[in-house]
Protein backbone atom coordinates (compact mmCIF):
# COMPACT_ATOMS: atom_id res chain seq x y z
CA MET A 1 23.05 69.61 95.95
CA ILE A 2 20.15 67.45 97.14
CA THR A 3 17.06 69.19 95.79
CA GLN A 4 14.32 66.59 96.30
CA LEU A 5 13.68 63.39 98.21
CA ARG A 6 11.04 60.80 97.36
CA GLY A 7 10.57 57.86 99.66
CA LYS A 8 8.92 56.31 102.68
CA LEU A 9 8.27 58.47 105.72
CA ILE A 10 9.90 56.61 108.62
CA GLU A 11 9.61 59.18 111.42
CA ILE A 12 7.95 62.56 111.66
CA TYR A 13 8.05 65.23 114.34
CA PRO A 14 6.95 68.89 114.20
CA THR A 15 10.49 70.03 113.42
CA ASN A 16 12.02 67.12 111.50
CA ALA A 17 11.37 63.93 109.57
CA VAL A 18 13.30 60.86 108.48
CA ILE A 19 12.71 59.75 104.89
CA ASP A 20 13.92 56.37 103.62
CA CYS A 21 15.14 56.66 100.02
CA ASN A 22 16.23 53.23 98.76
CA GLY A 23 17.55 52.14 102.14
CA VAL A 24 19.20 55.43 103.11
CA GLY A 25 17.45 57.45 105.83
CA TYR A 26 17.67 61.21 105.42
CA TRP A 27 17.12 63.47 108.45
CA VAL A 28 15.31 66.56 107.19
CA ASN A 29 14.42 69.70 109.15
CA ILE A 30 10.84 70.68 108.27
CA SER A 31 8.46 73.57 108.91
CA LEU A 32 5.21 73.18 110.82
CA ASN A 33 3.30 73.75 107.56
CA THR A 34 5.18 70.84 105.97
CA TYR A 35 4.60 68.73 109.08
CA SER A 36 0.84 69.17 108.82
CA THR A 37 0.97 68.25 105.12
CA LEU A 38 3.16 65.14 105.51
CA GLU A 39 1.63 63.87 108.75
CA GLN A 40 -0.95 61.62 107.05
CA GLU A 41 1.20 60.26 104.21
CA GLU A 42 3.44 57.21 103.98
CA LEU A 43 5.16 57.83 100.63
CA VAL A 44 6.29 61.42 100.32
CA THR A 45 8.03 63.82 97.96
CA ILE A 46 9.79 66.62 99.76
CA PHE A 47 11.63 69.54 98.18
CA THR A 48 14.91 70.22 99.94
CA HIS A 49 17.59 72.82 100.43
CA LEU A 50 21.03 71.62 101.56
CA ILE A 51 23.22 73.86 103.67
CA VAL A 52 26.83 72.78 103.96
CA ARG A 53 28.72 74.07 106.97
CA GLU A 54 32.16 73.27 108.21
CA ASP A 55 30.76 70.91 110.87
CA ALA A 56 27.56 69.61 109.23
CA HIS A 57 25.44 69.09 106.13
CA ILE A 58 21.89 70.15 107.01
CA LEU A 59 18.83 69.35 104.90
CA TYR A 60 15.75 71.55 105.09
CA GLY A 61 12.58 70.10 103.58
CA PHE A 62 9.35 71.63 102.30
CA ALA A 63 6.03 70.26 101.04
CA THR A 64 5.96 72.65 98.07
CA LYS A 65 8.45 74.29 95.74
CA LEU A 66 6.95 77.68 96.64
CA GLU A 67 7.71 77.17 100.33
CA ARG A 68 11.29 76.17 99.48
CA GLU A 69 11.70 79.20 97.18
CA ILE A 70 10.50 81.59 99.88
CA PHE A 71 12.84 79.95 102.44
CA GLN A 72 15.77 80.37 100.04
CA LYS A 73 14.90 84.02 99.48
CA LEU A 74 14.52 84.62 103.23
CA ILE A 75 17.93 83.19 104.08
CA SER A 76 19.53 85.34 101.37
CA VAL A 77 18.62 88.39 103.48
CA ASN A 78 21.46 89.62 105.69
CA GLY A 79 20.63 88.72 109.31
CA VAL A 80 18.15 85.94 108.50
CA GLY A 81 19.67 82.52 109.03
CA PRO A 82 18.14 79.09 108.45
CA ALA A 83 16.66 78.95 111.98
CA SER A 84 14.92 82.31 111.51
CA GLY A 85 13.82 81.30 108.02
CA MET A 86 12.25 78.09 109.36
CA MET A 87 10.55 80.06 112.15
CA ILE A 88 9.01 82.43 109.59
CA ILE A 89 7.94 79.57 107.30
CA SER A 90 6.48 77.68 110.29
CA THR A 91 4.55 80.68 111.63
CA LEU A 92 3.19 82.11 108.37
CA SER A 93 2.05 80.44 105.17
CA SER A 94 3.97 81.08 101.95
CA LYS A 95 1.22 83.37 100.67
CA GLU A 96 1.11 85.31 103.94
CA ILE A 97 4.87 85.90 103.73
CA ALA A 98 4.64 86.97 100.08
CA THR A 99 1.66 89.22 100.88
CA ALA A 100 3.54 90.82 103.78
CA ILE A 101 6.56 91.50 101.56
CA ALA A 102 4.56 92.75 98.56
CA GLY A 103 2.29 94.87 100.78
CA GLU A 104 5.18 96.08 102.98
CA ASP A 105 3.43 94.72 106.09
CA ALA A 106 6.31 94.73 108.59
CA LYS A 107 3.94 94.11 111.52
CA LEU A 108 2.93 90.71 110.14
CA LEU A 109 6.59 89.71 109.81
CA GLN A 110 7.27 91.03 113.33
CA SER A 111 4.57 88.70 114.65
CA VAL A 112 7.10 85.89 114.13
CA LYS A 113 9.15 85.11 117.24
CA GLY A 114 12.67 86.50 116.90
CA ILE A 115 11.91 88.92 114.03
CA GLY A 116 12.27 92.53 115.08
CA ALA A 117 11.39 95.76 113.29
CA LYS A 118 14.80 96.15 111.60
CA THR A 119 14.87 92.56 110.33
CA ALA A 120 11.28 92.81 109.06
CA GLN A 121 12.13 96.00 107.17
CA ARG A 122 15.29 94.44 105.76
CA ILE A 123 13.30 91.42 104.52
CA ILE A 124 10.79 93.70 102.80
CA ILE A 125 13.46 95.93 101.21
CA ASP A 126 15.65 93.04 100.05
CA LEU A 127 12.88 90.77 98.73
CA LYS A 128 10.22 93.13 97.38
CA ASP A 129 11.73 93.08 93.87
CA LYS A 130 12.80 89.42 94.03
CA LEU A 131 9.35 87.85 94.45
CA ASP A 132 7.96 85.78 91.59
CA GLN A 133 5.68 88.03 89.53
CA ASN A 134 3.08 85.24 89.10
CA LEU A 135 2.82 84.94 92.87
CA ILE A 136 2.35 88.70 93.22
CA LEU A 137 -0.41 88.67 90.59
CA ASP A 138 -2.10 85.79 92.42
CA ILE A 139 -1.87 87.70 95.71
CA ASN A 140 -3.26 90.89 94.18
CA SER A 141 -6.21 89.00 92.69
CA THR A 142 -7.06 87.49 96.08
CA SER A 143 -6.51 90.64 98.16
CA VAL A 144 -10.22 91.49 98.16
CA LYS A 145 -11.03 87.95 99.28
CA ASN A 146 -8.40 88.19 102.03
CA LYS A 147 -9.78 91.52 103.23
CA SER A 148 -13.28 90.03 103.50
CA LYS A 149 -11.86 86.95 105.21
CA ASN A 150 -9.89 89.03 107.72
CA GLU A 151 -12.89 91.20 108.55
CA ALA A 152 -15.11 88.12 108.95
CA LEU A 153 -12.52 86.44 111.20
CA SER A 154 -12.34 89.56 113.37
CA ALA A 155 -16.13 89.61 113.68
CA LEU A 156 -16.20 85.94 114.65
CA GLU A 157 -13.45 86.45 117.23
CA VAL A 158 -15.56 89.17 118.85
CA LEU A 159 -18.35 86.58 119.06
CA GLY A 160 -15.98 84.21 120.88
CA ILE A 161 -15.33 81.79 118.00
CA PRO A 162 -11.75 80.40 117.95
CA LYS A 163 -9.85 81.86 114.99
CA LYS A 164 -8.25 78.60 113.81
CA SER A 165 -11.50 76.62 113.58
CA ALA A 166 -13.31 79.55 111.92
CA GLU A 167 -10.48 79.98 109.42
CA LYS A 168 -10.59 76.32 108.33
CA ILE A 169 -14.34 76.54 107.68
CA MET A 170 -13.97 79.90 105.94
CA ASP A 171 -11.25 78.60 103.62
CA LYS A 172 -13.61 75.85 102.43
CA ILE A 173 -16.38 78.41 101.86
CA LEU A 174 -14.00 80.64 99.88
CA GLN A 175 -12.94 77.72 97.68
CA ASP A 176 -16.56 77.29 96.57
CA GLN A 177 -17.43 81.00 96.52
CA PRO A 178 -14.29 83.14 96.13
CA ASP A 179 -16.26 86.39 95.83
CA ALA A 180 -18.13 85.96 99.13
CA ASP A 181 -18.60 89.13 101.17
CA VAL A 182 -18.04 89.55 104.92
CA GLU A 183 -21.68 89.08 105.92
CA PHE A 184 -22.02 85.85 103.92
CA LEU A 185 -18.75 84.47 105.35
CA VAL A 186 -19.82 85.17 108.94
CA LYS A 187 -23.28 83.61 108.47
CA GLU A 188 -22.01 80.48 106.68
CA THR A 189 -19.18 79.97 109.17
CA LEU A 190 -21.61 80.23 112.11
CA LYS A 191 -23.87 77.63 110.45
CA LYS A 192 -20.99 75.15 110.09
CA ILE A 193 -19.42 75.49 113.54
């Protein structure tokens, strides 16, 4: 089992990368989250999951161990294959996926292309007890922050501010002041746009 690659990033595309490890180039399927992390780096460490099929050996790569762990848990669910797992990991962050599973938020999982109501419910039922307890504690401690963030993002969207740009600014604000309330987040984000 190939579990990690460390080497020079030769090529990178939104769905795959080629990593040179001591003269051998490995083709690795990656998520969009991993793509945005690796995009600026030359020497990379990527955590991998190898799937061996009758006709191919396919490497899936992730920027973090957490992302790989969630991918592995997702593909263990009946009806969720590697393509669906990569789509989920590319659409939602690791914490969003864990939050959706822990909070039984099927609608968030259904927001991923190709994931219907039955599959979302199956993911929640199968994985709710399998999530890392440290991750769940981390999610529960940040749930208040996320609620404030979501309310502030909704308010900014009503004002016509693009969600992605507002979210980037808000994440920086929350790093400095994790207990910020909705009003403070909206005001500070408007100042920095």
